[in-house]
Amino acid sequence: MIYDGMPLFLQMSGSFTELIANTGALAKTILALLLVLSVVSWTIIFEKVRYFRKASNQSSRFKELFEKETSLSSLMDKTGGMNESPEAAIVSYLGKEIKNGELGNLSFIDTYIDAGIGSIISEWESYLIFLSTTATVSPFLGLLGTVWGIMSSFLSMGVRGSANLYVIGPGIADALITTIFGLGAAIPAVIGFNYILRIVRRKEEELSSFSVRFRSRILDGRYSDIGSIGAGRSNIGSMEGK
């Protein structure tokens, strides 16, 4: 039965699945590889979007606590479960360094904050290289299948001495189907990469802005327990000098 609006190649093959099943060995290999790239790309995109959405919700709750708390220890305790909030991660990281005595001189606070931000951004950008690679490689894999299918069609024409649809059809079908799959894997990867990268850059700016405020609060003595920790560190240093 012929359906209006249905592409001709689907009407001739019966179904899209049958069309794929009738492709050659190389085309099937390329299609399988493109399918893997596409599935992994979509997984990365969905997981990154889910992560940033959760991180935004936790960051909103954290900022409310950040404005109210005057004790760094209390702030760390109340936000300990906000694992996806980058601001909470910075406070937790720096707070532990201060409490452990690793940050004896507060003049080095910028170095510690930059190290924490760099670690968080590296985690945000993880797997983006896969999306970039998929966006770059997939069209070429589709092109490989296209070239192979067209070459097969010409070889069939030379062997059979005919140029009818029965002779060139299979090769052309291989060429078109791999091209479609190549673009189908590349386009979402490009969109996902650019979208996630834009989120990362915006979050990076927000985190840098927060780190400036957090640094100012520490250096201005806004946290009641920072002074006692610093004093304890100084006393230890003076005792060792004796």
C-alpha atoms as a PDB file:
ATOM      1  CA  MET A   1       0.000   0.000   0.000  1.00  0.00           C
ATOM      2  CA  ILE A   2       1.285   3.454  -0.898  1.00  0.00           C
ATOM      3  CA  TYR A   3       0.890   6.201   1.708  1.00  0.00           C
ATOM      4  CA  ASP A   4       0.833   9.868   0.766  1.00  0.00           C
ATOM      5  CA  GLY A   5       3.676  11.827   2.309  1.00  0.00           C
ATOM      6  CA  MET A   6       5.841   8.767   2.996  1.00  0.00           C
ATOM      7  CA  PRO A   7       9.310   8.941   1.436  1.00  0.00           C
ATOM      8  CA  LEU A   8       9.667   6.811  -1.676  1.00  0.00           C
ATOM      9  CA  PHE A   9      12.579   4.778  -0.325  1.00  0.00           C
ATOM     10  CA  LEU A  10      10.452   3.708   2.662  1.00  0.00           C
ATOM     11  CA  GLN A  11       7.592   2.678   0.384  1.00  0.00           C
ATOM     12  CA  MET A  12       9.972   0.606  -1.739  1.00  0.00           C
ATOM     13  CA  SER A  13      11.750  -1.084   1.165  1.00  0.00           C
ATOM     14  CA  GLY A  14       8.694  -1.763   3.259  1.00  0.00           C
ATOM     15  CA  SER A  15      10.155  -0.308   6.437  1.00  0.00           C
ATOM     16  CA  PHE A  16      13.127   1.628   7.724  1.00  0.00           C
ATOM     17  CA  THR A  17      14.332  -1.440   9.622  1.00  0.00           C
ATOM     18  CA  GLU A  18      14.269  -3.522   6.467  1.00  0.00           C
ATOM     19  CA  LEU A  19      16.246  -0.845   4.666  1.00  0.00           C
ATOM     20  CA  ILE A  20      18.961  -1.002   7.316  1.00  0.00           C
ATOM     21  CA  ALA A  21      18.924  -4.800   7.280  1.00  0.00           C
ATOM     22  CA  ASN A  22      19.588  -4.791   3.531  1.00  0.00           C
ATOM     23  CA  THR A  23      22.701  -2.600   3.798  1.00  0.00           C
ATOM     24  CA  GLY A  24      26.178  -4.017   3.283  1.00  0.00           C
ATOM     25  CA  ALA A  25      28.644  -5.105   5.964  1.00  0.00           C
ATOM     26  CA  LEU A  26      30.616  -1.852   5.977  1.00  0.00           C
ATOM     27  CA  ALA A  27      27.450   0.236   6.136  1.00  0.00           C
ATOM     28  CA  LYS A  28      26.164  -1.841   9.072  1.00  0.00           C
ATOM     29  CA  THR A  29      29.472  -1.327  10.888  1.00  0.00           C
ATOM     30  CA  ILE A  30      29.326   2.416  10.350  1.00  0.00           C
ATOM     31  CA  LEU A  31      25.689   2.554  11.437  1.00  0.00           C
ATOM     32  CA  ALA A  32      26.459   0.589  14.612  1.00  0.00           C
ATOM     33  CA  LEU A  33      29.331   2.927  15.464  1.00  0.00           C
ATOM     34  CA  LEU A  34      27.195   5.996  14.817  1.00  0.00           C
ATOM     35  CA  LEU A  35      24.433   4.536  16.981  1.00  0.00           C
ATOM     36  CA  VAL A  36      26.860   4.064  19.872  1.00  0.00           C
ATOM     37  CA  LEU A  37      28.161   7.624  19.490  1.00  0.00           C
ATOM     38  CA  SER A  38      24.629   8.971  19.385  1.00  0.00           C
ATOM     39  CA  VAL A  39      23.435   7.049  22.458  1.00  0.00           C
ATOM     40  CA  VAL A  40      26.465   8.076  24.528  1.00  0.00           C
ATOM     41  CA  SER A  41      26.098  11.696  23.383  1.00  0.00           C
ATOM     42  CA  TRP A  42      22.446  11.848  24.381  1.00  0.00           C
ATOM     43  CA  THR A  43      23.293  10.257  27.739  1.00  0.00           C
ATOM     44  CA  ILE A  44      25.952  12.889  28.411  1.00  0.00           C
ATOM     45  CA  ILE A  45      23.607  15.710  27.410  1.00  0.00           C
ATOM     46  CA  PHE A  46      20.757  14.521  29.626  1.00  0.00           C
ATOM     47  CA  GLU A  47      23.045  13.853  32.597  1.00  0.00           C
ATOM     48  CA  LYS A  48      24.739  17.246  32.314  1.00  0.00           C
ATOM     49  CA  VAL A  49      21.411  19.078  32.055  1.00  0.00           C
ATOM     50  CA  ARG A  50      20.056  17.129  35.044  1.00  0.00           C
ATOM     51  CA  TYR A  51      23.205  17.870  37.049  1.00  0.00           C
ATOM     52  CA  PHE A  52      23.173  21.618  36.355  1.00  0.00           C
ATOM     53  CA  ARG A  53      19.472  21.857  37.118  1.00  0.00           C
ATOM     54  CA  LYS A  54      20.007  20.173  40.478  1.00  0.00           C
ATOM     55  CA  ALA A  55      23.099  22.316  41.100  1.00  0.00           C
ATOM     56  CA  SER A  56      21.103  25.496  40.459  1.00  0.00           C
ATOM     57  CA  ASN A  57      18.415  24.459  42.944  1.00  0.00           C
ATOM     58  CA  GLN A  58      20.986  23.632  45.605  1.00  0.00           C
ATOM     59  CA  SER A  59      22.908  26.849  44.953  1.00  0.00           C
ATOM     60  CA  SER A  60      19.764  28.896  45.517  1.00  0.00           C
ATOM     61  CA  ARG A  61      19.213  27.245  48.906  1.00  0.00           C
ATOM     62  CA  PHE A  62      22.880  27.594  49.794  1.00  0.00           C
ATOM     63  CA  LYS A  63      22.993  31.332  49.047  1.00  0.00           C
ATOM     64  CA  GLU A  64      20.122  31.900  51.470  1.00  0.00           C
ATOM     65  CA  LEU A  65      22.121  30.209  54.230  1.00  0.00           C
ATOM     66  CA  PHE A  66      25.297  31.984  53.166  1.00  0.00           C
ATOM     67  CA  GLU A  67      23.699  35.381  53.747  1.00  0.00           C
ATOM     68  CA  LYS A  68      22.499  34.448  57.242  1.00  0.00           C
ATOM     69  CA  GLU A  69      25.356  32.467  58.790  1.00  0.00           C
ATOM     70  CA  THR A  70      28.137  34.162  60.717  1.00  0.00           C
ATOM     71  CA  SER A  71      29.930  30.926  61.577  1.00  0.00           C
ATOM     72  CA  LEU A  72      31.886  29.052  58.939  1.00  0.00           C
ATOM     73  CA  SER A  73      31.559  25.766  60.806  1.00  0.00           C
ATOM     74  CA  SER A  74      27.805  26.155  61.079  1.00  0.00           C
ATOM     75  CA  LEU A  75      27.553  27.030  57.390  1.00  0.00           C
ATOM     76  CA  MET A  76      29.554  23.938  56.459  1.00  0.00           C
ATOM     77  CA  ASP A  77      27.398  21.706  58.668  1.00  0.00           C
ATOM     78  CA  LYS A  78      24.112  22.993  57.270  1.00  0.00           C
ATOM     79  CA  THR A  79      25.216  22.698  53.634  1.00  0.00           C
ATOM     80  CA  GLY A  80      27.074  19.405  53.909  1.00  0.00           C
ATOM     81  CA  GLY A  81      24.514  17.547  51.812  1.00  0.00           C
ATOM     82  CA  MET A  82      24.538  20.023  48.925  1.00  0.00           C
ATOM     83  CA  ASN A  83      27.017  18.033  46.886  1.00  0.00           C
ATOM     84  CA  GLU A  84      26.042  19.550  43.526  1.00  0.00           C
ATOM     85  CA  SER A  85      26.251  23.182  44.627  1.00  0.00           C
ATOM     86  CA  PRO A  86      29.607  24.633  43.479  1.00  0.00           C
ATOM     87  CA  GLU A  87      29.426  27.405  46.073  1.00  0.00           C
ATOM     88  CA  ALA A  88      28.914  24.875  48.856  1.00  0.00           C
ATOM     89  CA  ALA A  89      31.843  22.880  47.477  1.00  0.00           C
ATOM     90  CA  ILE A  90      34.126  25.944  47.624  1.00  0.00           C
ATOM     91  CA  VAL A  91      33.087  26.719  51.205  1.00  0.00           C
ATOM     92  CA  SER A  92      33.550  23.096  52.243  1.00  0.00           C
ATOM     93  CA  TYR A  93      36.954  22.831  50.557  1.00  0.00           C
ATOM     94  CA  LEU A  94      38.329  26.071  51.967  1.00  0.00           C
ATOM     95  CA  GLY A  95      36.779  25.528  55.386  1.00  0.00           C
ATOM     96  CA  LYS A  96      38.467  22.146  55.729  1.00  0.00           C
ATOM     97  CA  GLU A  97      41.808  23.653  54.710  1.00  0.00           C
ATOM     98  CA  ILE A  98      41.453  26.330  57.384  1.00  0.00           C
ATOM     99  CA  LYS A  99      40.365  23.914  60.098  1.00  0.00           C
ATOM    100  CA  ASN A 100      43.140  21.460  59.302  1.00  0.00           C
ATOM    101  CA  GLY A 101      45.681  24.243  59.579  1.00  0.00           C
ATOM    102  CA  GLU A 102      46.730  23.935  55.946  1.00  0.00           C
ATOM    103  CA  LEU A 103      45.884  27.580  55.337  1.00  0.00           C
ATOM    104  CA  GLY A 104      48.061  29.120  58.024  1.00  0.00           C
ATOM    105  CA  ASN A 105      48.482  32.379  56.138  1.00  0.00           C
ATOM    106  CA  LEU A 106      45.238  33.872  54.834  1.00  0.00           C
ATOM    107  CA  SER A 107      47.198  35.778  52.194  1.00  0.00           C
ATOM    108  CA  PHE A 108      47.248  32.511  50.229  1.00  0.00           C
ATOM    109  CA  ILE A 109      43.470  32.280  50.179  1.00  0.00           C
ATOM    110  CA  ASP A 110      43.254  33.233  46.496  1.00  0.00           C
ATOM    111  CA  THR A 111      45.454  30.300  45.548  1.00  0.00           C
ATOM    112  CA  TYR A 112      43.246  27.861  47.434  1.00  0.00           C
ATOM    113  CA  ILE A 113      40.040  29.327  46.025  1.00  0.00           C
ATOM    114  CA  ASP A 114      41.410  29.225  42.461  1.00  0.00           C
ATOM    115  CA  ALA A 115      42.428  25.597  42.960  1.00  0.00           C
ATOM    116  CA  GLY A 116      38.923  24.721  44.155  1.00  0.00           C
ATOM    117  CA  ILE A 117      37.266  26.545  41.260  1.00  0.00           C
ATOM    118  CA  GLY A 118      39.595  24.885  38.770  1.00  0.00           C
ATOM    119  CA  SER A 119      38.703  21.443  40.104  1.00  0.00           C
ATOM    120  CA  ILE A 120      34.973  22.164  39.855  1.00  0.00           C
ATOM    121  CA  ILE A 121      35.209  23.526  36.319  1.00  0.00           C
ATOM    122  CA  SER A 122      37.232  20.492  35.226  1.00  0.00           C
ATOM    123  CA  GLU A 123      34.429  18.286  36.504  1.00  0.00           C
ATOM    124  CA  TRP A 124      31.840  20.381  34.665  1.00  0.00           C
ATOM    125  CA  GLU A 125      33.764  20.079  31.401  1.00  0.00           C
ATOM    126  CA  SER A 126      34.255  16.326  31.702  1.00  0.00           C
ATOM    127  CA  TYR A 127      32.930  14.344  28.729  1.00  0.00           C
ATOM    128  CA  LEU A 128      32.418  17.488  26.657  1.00  0.00           C
ATOM    129  CA  ILE A 129      35.355  16.302  24.566  1.00  0.00           C
ATOM    130  CA  PHE A 130      33.231  13.278  23.616  1.00  0.00           C
ATOM    131  CA  LEU A 131      30.459  15.535  22.316  1.00  0.00           C
ATOM    132  CA  SER A 132      33.002  17.579  20.381  1.00  0.00           C
ATOM    133  CA  THR A 133      34.561  14.436  18.923  1.00  0.00           C
ATOM    134  CA  THR A 134      31.163  13.009  17.965  1.00  0.00           C
ATOM    135  CA  ALA A 135      30.183  16.263  16.263  1.00  0.00           C
ATOM    136  CA  THR A 136      33.430  16.216  14.274  1.00  0.00           C
ATOM    137  CA  VAL A 137      33.749  12.530  13.442  1.00  0.00           C
ATOM    138  CA  SER A 138      30.129  11.520  12.729  1.00  0.00           C
ATOM    139  CA  PRO A 139      29.746  13.427   9.424  1.00  0.00           C
ATOM    140  CA  PHE A 140      32.986  11.895   8.169  1.00  0.00           C
ATOM    141  CA  LEU A 141      31.792   8.406   9.091  1.00  0.00           C
ATOM    142  CA  GLY A 142      28.595   9.138   7.196  1.00  0.00           C
ATOM    143  CA  LEU A 143      30.667  10.422   4.279  1.00  0.00           C
ATOM    144  CA  LEU A 144      32.708   7.231   4.329  1.00  0.00           C
ATOM    145  CA  GLY A 145      29.515   5.220   3.975  1.00  0.00           C
ATOM    146  CA  THR A 146      28.353   7.565   1.218  1.00  0.00           C
ATOM    147  CA  VAL A 147      31.546   7.170  -0.784  1.00  0.00           C
ATOM    148  CA  TRP A 148      31.541   3.412  -0.293  1.00  0.00           C
ATOM    149  CA  GLY A 149      27.897   3.101  -1.384  1.00  0.00           C
ATOM    150  CA  ILE A 150      28.425   5.197  -4.522  1.00  0.00           C
ATOM    151  CA  MET A 151      31.569   3.256  -5.351  1.00  0.00           C
ATOM    152  CA  SER A 152      29.631   0.000  -4.969  1.00  0.00           C
ATOM    153  CA  SER A 153      26.972   1.302  -7.336  1.00  0.00           C
ATOM    154  CA  PHE A 154      29.553   2.140 -10.001  1.00  0.00           C
ATOM    155  CA  LEU A 155      31.222  -1.247  -9.587  1.00  0.00           C
ATOM    156  CA  SER A 156      27.864  -2.972 -10.004  1.00  0.00           C
ATOM    157  CA  MET A 157      27.206  -0.925 -13.121  1.00  0.00           C
ATOM    158  CA  GLY A 158      30.579  -1.969 -14.555  1.00  0.00           C
ATOM    159  CA  VAL A 159      30.137  -5.656 -13.757  1.00  0.00           C
ATOM    160  CA  ARG A 160      26.553  -5.955 -15.032  1.00  0.00           C
ATOM    161  CA  GLY A 161      26.843  -3.423 -17.813  1.00  0.00           C
ATOM    162  CA  SER A 162      23.590  -1.802 -16.782  1.00  0.00           C
ATOM    163  CA  ALA A 163      22.571   1.327 -14.936  1.00  0.00           C
ATOM    164  CA  ASN A 164      19.032   0.453 -13.879  1.00  0.00           C
ATOM    165  CA  LEU A 165      17.671   0.966 -10.357  1.00  0.00           C
ATOM    166  CA  TYR A 166      18.050  -2.724  -9.485  1.00  0.00           C
ATOM    167  CA  VAL A 167      21.810  -2.483 -10.047  1.00  0.00           C
ATOM    168  CA  ILE A 168      22.619   0.864  -8.408  1.00  0.00           C
ATOM    169  CA  GLY A 169      19.839   0.906  -5.801  1.00  0.00           C
ATOM    170  CA  PRO A 170      21.594  -1.014  -2.969  1.00  0.00           C
ATOM    171  CA  GLY A 171      24.740   1.108  -3.167  1.00  0.00           C
ATOM    172  CA  ILE A 172      22.794   4.359  -3.242  1.00  0.00           C
ATOM    173  CA  ALA A 173      20.683   3.173  -0.299  1.00  0.00           C
ATOM    174  CA  ASP A 174      23.864   2.461   1.704  1.00  0.00           C
ATOM    175  CA  ALA A 175      25.166   5.902   0.836  1.00  0.00           C
ATOM    176  CA  LEU A 176      22.016   7.731   1.878  1.00  0.00           C
ATOM    177  CA  ILE A 177      21.341   5.814   5.080  1.00  0.00           C
ATOM    178  CA  THR A 178      24.872   6.328   6.444  1.00  0.00           C
ATOM    179  CA  THR A 179      24.671  10.028   5.586  1.00  0.00           C
ATOM    180  CA  ILE A 180      21.400  10.356   7.496  1.00  0.00           C
ATOM    181  CA  PHE A 181      22.801   8.549  10.538  1.00  0.00           C
ATOM    182  CA  GLY A 182      26.001  10.596  10.431  1.00  0.00           C
ATOM    183  CA  LEU A 183      24.086  13.868  10.520  1.00  0.00           C
ATOM    184  CA  GLY A 184      21.681  12.446  13.092  1.00  0.00           C
ATOM    185  CA  ALA A 185      24.587  11.778  15.458  1.00  0.00           C
ATOM    186  CA  ALA A 186      26.493  15.008  14.740  1.00  0.00           C
ATOM    187  CA  ILE A 187      23.727  17.614  14.983  1.00  0.00           C
ATOM    188  CA  PRO A 188      22.560  16.809  18.554  1.00  0.00           C
ATOM    189  CA  ALA A 189      26.201  16.566  19.674  1.00  0.00           C
ATOM    190  CA  VAL A 190      26.957  20.050  18.313  1.00  0.00           C
ATOM    191  CA  ILE A 191      23.856  21.561  19.898  1.00  0.00           C
ATOM    192  CA  GLY A 192      24.470  19.775  23.209  1.00  0.00           C
ATOM    193  CA  PHE A 193      28.139  20.792  23.309  1.00  0.00           C
ATOM    194  CA  ASN A 194      27.410  24.479  22.685  1.00  0.00           C
ATOM    195  CA  TYR A 195      24.501  24.523  25.129  1.00  0.00           C
ATOM    196  CA  ILE A 196      26.413  22.848  27.955  1.00  0.00           C
ATOM    197  CA  LEU A 197      29.521  24.940  27.332  1.00  0.00           C
ATOM    198  CA  ARG A 198      27.410  28.094  27.607  1.00  0.00           C
ATOM    199  CA  ILE A 199      26.045  26.869  30.951  1.00  0.00           C
ATOM    200  CA  VAL A 200      29.570  26.089  32.163  1.00  0.00           C
ATOM    201  CA  ARG A 201      30.845  29.563  31.268  1.00  0.00           C
ATOM    202  CA  ARG A 202      27.881  31.232  32.966  1.00  0.00           C
ATOM    203  CA  LYS A 203      28.319  29.086  36.076  1.00  0.00           C
ATOM    204  CA  GLU A 204      32.028  29.865  36.059  1.00  0.00           C
ATOM    205  CA  GLU A 205      31.292  33.598  36.162  1.00  0.00           C
ATOM    206  CA  GLU A 206      28.783  33.135  38.981  1.00  0.00           C
ATOM    207  CA  LEU A 207      31.252  31.020  40.963  1.00  0.00           C
ATOM    208  CA  SER A 208      34.030  33.564  40.487  1.00  0.00           C
ATOM    209  CA  SER A 209      31.719  36.316  41.722  1.00  0.00           C
ATOM    210  CA  PHE A 210      30.776  34.254  44.760  1.00  0.00           C
ATOM    211  CA  SER A 211      34.415  33.470  45.541  1.00  0.00           C
ATOM    212  CA  VAL A 212      35.178  37.203  45.716  1.00  0.00           C
ATOM    213  CA  ARG A 213      32.401  37.703  48.271  1.00  0.00           C
ATOM    214  CA  PHE A 214      33.463  34.646  50.251  1.00  0.00           C
ATOM    215  CA  ARG A 215      37.076  35.803  50.300  1.00  0.00           C
ATOM    216  CA  SER A 216      36.045  39.252  51.499  1.00  0.00           C
ATOM    217  CA  ARG A 217      34.027  37.790  54.356  1.00  0.00           C
ATOM    218  CA  ILE A 218      36.962  35.696  55.513  1.00  0.00           C
ATOM    219  CA  LEU A 219      39.500  38.521  55.341  1.00  0.00           C
ATOM    220  CA  ASP A 220      37.107  40.998  56.982  1.00  0.00           C
ATOM    221  CA  GLY A 221      36.555  38.650  59.934  1.00  0.00           C
ATOM    222  CA  ARG A 222      32.853  38.156  59.247  1.00  0.00           C
ATOM    223  CA  TYR A 223      33.038  34.574  60.528  1.00  0.00           C
ATOM    224  CA  SER A 224      33.378  34.317  64.288  1.00  0.00           C
ATOM    225  CA  ASP A 225      35.263  31.017  64.262  1.00  0.00           C
ATOM    226  CA  ILE A 226      37.938  32.023  61.724  1.00  0.00           C
ATOM    227  CA  GLY A 227      39.706  34.249  64.233  1.00  0.00           C
ATOM    228  CA  SER A 228      40.006  31.507  66.822  1.00  0.00           C
ATOM    229  CA  ILE A 229      41.365  29.082  64.267  1.00  0.00           C
ATOM    230  CA  GLY A 230      43.927  31.602  63.076  1.00  0.00           C
ATOM    231  CA  ALA A 231      44.933  32.398  66.645  1.00  0.00           C
ATOM    232  CA  GLY A 232      45.414  28.728  67.418  1.00  0.00           C
ATOM    233  CA  ARG A 233      47.625  28.380  64.384  1.00  0.00           C
ATOM    234  CA  SER A 234      49.746  31.347  65.474  1.00  0.00           C
ATOM    235  CA  ASN A 235      50.148  29.965  68.984  1.00  0.00           C
ATOM    236  CA  ILE A 236      51.342  26.655  67.605  1.00  0.00           C
ATOM    237  CA  GLY A 237      53.863  28.470  65.431  1.00  0.00           C
ATOM    238  CA  SER A 238      55.222  30.482  68.364  1.00  0.00           C
ATOM    239  CA  MET A 239      55.568  27.375  70.503  1.00  0.00           C
ATOM    240  CA  GLU A 240      57.516  25.598  67.795  1.00  0.00           C
ATOM    241  CA  GLY A 241      59.820  28.615  67.496  1.00  0.00           C
ATOM    242  CA  LYS A 242      60.724  28.303  71.147  1.00  0.00           C
END
